[in-house]
Amino acid sequence: LASYLIFKAGEVGRGKKGLGKVLEVGAGCGMLGMIISASKLAKKVIMTETTEVIPNLEKNLAQNIKPKKKSKIEDWKRCCSRDKISVRRLRWDDYLKDIDICKADNSDDLDPHSFDTIIGTDVIFTTSLVRPLLKTLRAM
């Protein structure tokens, strides 16, 4: 999916607008969101998950954030800029509360209808999640 999105968005400088502001639902370990962010074809990537998964997602992202200044030879392996990617909780059965929490943090990360692209891979593991996911996607 990452390769397809990067191909469709086009290379920087070829006159294509890119992916804009990206919402990733069910980010899991964060690989897709970090690849999209590292490609520099998105203005910003918001990776979302449930409460239980967020600590691992944040840890994975922290290991891939570029430091503000060079500190070690290993820094070249880090691919994401802190201002271009973030992690937010987004529960499909209580998304309005999560949007309000984000606004209370003075963040526009989850502003409804502010996304140019919504992505997700392997996010449904039971049919009971289909309706809540679709309701959340309509709001975003």
Protein backbone atom coordinates (compact mmCIF):
# COMPACT_ATOMS: atom_id res chain seq x y z
CA LEU A 1 0.00 0.00 0.00
CA ALA A 2 2.84 2.40 0.82
CA SER A 3 4.41 1.89 -2.62
CA TYR A 4 1.06 2.42 -4.33
CA LEU A 5 0.34 5.63 -2.40
CA ILE A 6 3.80 7.02 -3.07
CA PHE A 7 3.43 6.18 -6.78
CA LYS A 8 -0.03 7.77 -6.98
CA ALA A 9 1.05 10.89 -5.12
CA GLY A 10 3.94 11.36 -7.54
CA GLU A 11 7.45 12.49 -6.92
CA VAL A 12 8.07 15.85 -5.27
CA GLY A 13 8.62 18.42 -8.00
CA ARG A 14 6.60 16.66 -10.70
CA GLY A 15 3.64 18.96 -10.24
CA LYS A 16 1.47 16.60 -8.22
CA LYS A 17 -0.06 17.78 -4.97
CA GLY A 18 0.90 14.77 -2.88
CA LEU A 19 -1.28 13.18 -0.22
CA GLY A 20 -2.01 16.33 1.80
CA LYS A 21 -3.03 15.76 5.42
CA VAL A 22 -3.24 12.00 6.04
CA LEU A 23 -5.25 10.13 8.66
CA GLU A 24 -4.18 6.56 9.32
CA VAL A 25 -6.83 4.52 11.15
CA GLY A 26 -5.70 1.46 13.08
CA ALA A 27 -2.02 2.31 12.68
CA GLY A 28 -0.79 -0.69 14.68
CA CYS A 29 3.01 -0.52 14.80
CA GLY A 30 2.99 2.59 12.60
CA MET A 31 4.96 1.32 9.62
CA LEU A 32 2.65 2.64 6.90
CA GLY A 33 2.30 6.09 8.48
CA MET A 34 6.04 6.43 9.01
CA ILE A 35 6.79 5.39 5.41
CA ILE A 36 4.30 7.95 4.10
CA SER A 37 5.78 10.63 6.37
CA ALA A 38 9.35 9.76 5.37
CA SER A 39 8.38 9.98 1.68
CA LYS A 40 7.69 13.70 2.23
CA LEU A 41 4.56 13.40 0.09
CA ALA A 42 2.21 14.26 2.95
CA LYS A 43 1.84 17.61 4.69
CA LYS A 44 1.24 15.71 7.93
CA VAL A 45 0.40 12.15 8.96
CA ILE A 46 -1.85 11.49 11.95
CA MET A 47 -1.55 7.87 13.07
CA THR A 48 -4.47 6.75 15.23
CA GLU A 49 -5.02 3.76 17.47
CA THR A 50 -6.81 2.56 20.59
CA THR A 51 -5.55 3.24 24.11
CA GLU A 52 -3.97 -0.19 24.48
CA VAL A 53 -1.83 0.09 21.33
CA ILE A 54 -0.68 3.72 21.65
CA PRO A 55 2.35 3.10 23.94
CA ASN A 56 3.94 0.73 21.41
CA LEU A 57 3.06 3.04 18.51
CA GLU A 58 4.62 6.03 20.29
CA LYS A 59 7.74 4.00 21.11
CA ASN A 60 8.14 2.97 17.47
CA LEU A 61 7.68 6.56 16.32
CA ALA A 62 10.18 7.89 18.87
CA GLN A 63 12.78 5.51 17.47
CA ASN A 64 12.25 6.98 14.01
CA ILE A 65 12.07 10.72 14.74
CA LYS A 66 14.91 12.81 13.44
CA PRO A 67 16.74 14.57 16.29
CA LYS A 68 16.78 18.36 16.25
CA LYS A 69 20.57 18.28 16.05
CA LYS A 70 22.96 15.52 15.12
CA SER A 71 24.01 13.55 18.13
CA LYS A 72 25.14 10.12 16.94
CA ILE A 73 26.24 8.41 13.77
CA GLU A 74 23.07 6.29 13.97
CA ASP A 75 20.85 9.38 13.49
CA TRP A 76 20.86 8.91 9.71
CA LYS A 77 18.54 5.92 10.19
CA ARG A 78 15.77 8.12 11.59
CA CYS A 79 13.28 9.13 8.95
CA CYS A 80 10.41 11.23 10.35
CA SER A 81 10.18 14.89 11.32
CA ARG A 82 8.28 15.53 14.58
CA ASP A 83 6.22 18.34 13.02
CA LYS A 84 5.08 16.09 10.13
CA ILE A 85 3.73 13.10 12.06
CA SER A 86 1.82 12.48 15.28
CA VAL A 87 -0.01 9.80 17.25
CA ARG A 88 -3.56 10.23 18.52
CA ARG A 89 -6.14 8.02 20.15
CA LEU A 90 -9.20 7.50 17.98
CA ARG A 91 -11.75 5.03 19.29
CA TRP A 92 -14.39 4.31 16.69
CA ASP A 93 -17.07 3.87 19.34
CA ASP A 94 -16.21 7.18 21.07
CA TYR A 95 -14.54 9.29 18.39
CA LEU A 96 -16.29 12.54 19.39
CA LYS A 97 -14.64 12.42 22.81
CA ASP A 98 -11.23 11.83 21.22
CA ILE A 99 -11.77 14.78 18.87
CA ASP A 100 -12.67 16.98 21.87
CA ILE A 101 -9.55 15.85 23.76
CA CYS A 102 -7.45 16.77 20.76
CA LYS A 103 -9.06 20.24 20.58
CA ALA A 104 -8.46 20.71 24.32
CA ASP A 105 -4.76 20.08 23.60
CA ASN A 106 -4.94 23.00 21.10
CA SER A 107 -4.30 20.59 18.26
CA ASP A 108 -6.04 20.37 14.91
CA ASP A 109 -4.83 16.79 14.38
CA LEU A 110 -8.33 15.29 14.46
CA ASP A 111 -10.38 18.18 13.11
CA PRO A 112 -13.32 16.65 11.24
CA HIS A 113 -13.27 16.96 7.45
CA SER A 114 -9.66 18.22 7.45
CA PHE A 115 -8.09 15.17 5.82
CA ASP A 116 -7.12 14.85 2.18
CA THR A 117 -6.31 11.14 2.44
CA ILE A 118 -7.50 8.42 4.85
CA ILE A 119 -5.57 5.15 4.93
CA GLY A 120 -5.65 1.91 6.87
CA THR A 121 -4.48 -1.66 6.47
CA ASP A 122 -5.94 -4.75 8.11
CA VAL A 123 -8.03 -2.68 10.53
CA ILE A 124 -11.11 -4.91 10.87
CA PHE A 125 -10.75 -8.14 12.80
CA THR A 126 -14.42 -8.61 13.64
CA THR A 127 -17.59 -7.61 11.80
CA SER A 128 -18.82 -5.70 14.86
CA LEU A 129 -16.25 -2.99 14.04
CA VAL A 130 -17.51 -2.25 10.53
CA ARG A 131 -20.31 0.16 11.46
CA PRO A 132 -18.28 2.10 14.08
CA LEU A 133 -15.40 2.43 11.59
CA LEU A 134 -17.68 3.70 8.82
CA LYS A 135 -19.36 6.16 11.19
CA THR A 136 -15.95 7.47 12.26
CA LEU A 137 -14.72 7.76 8.68
CA ARG A 138 -17.81 9.77 7.70
CA ALA A 139 -17.05 12.20 10.54
CA MET A 140 -13.43 12.61 9.54
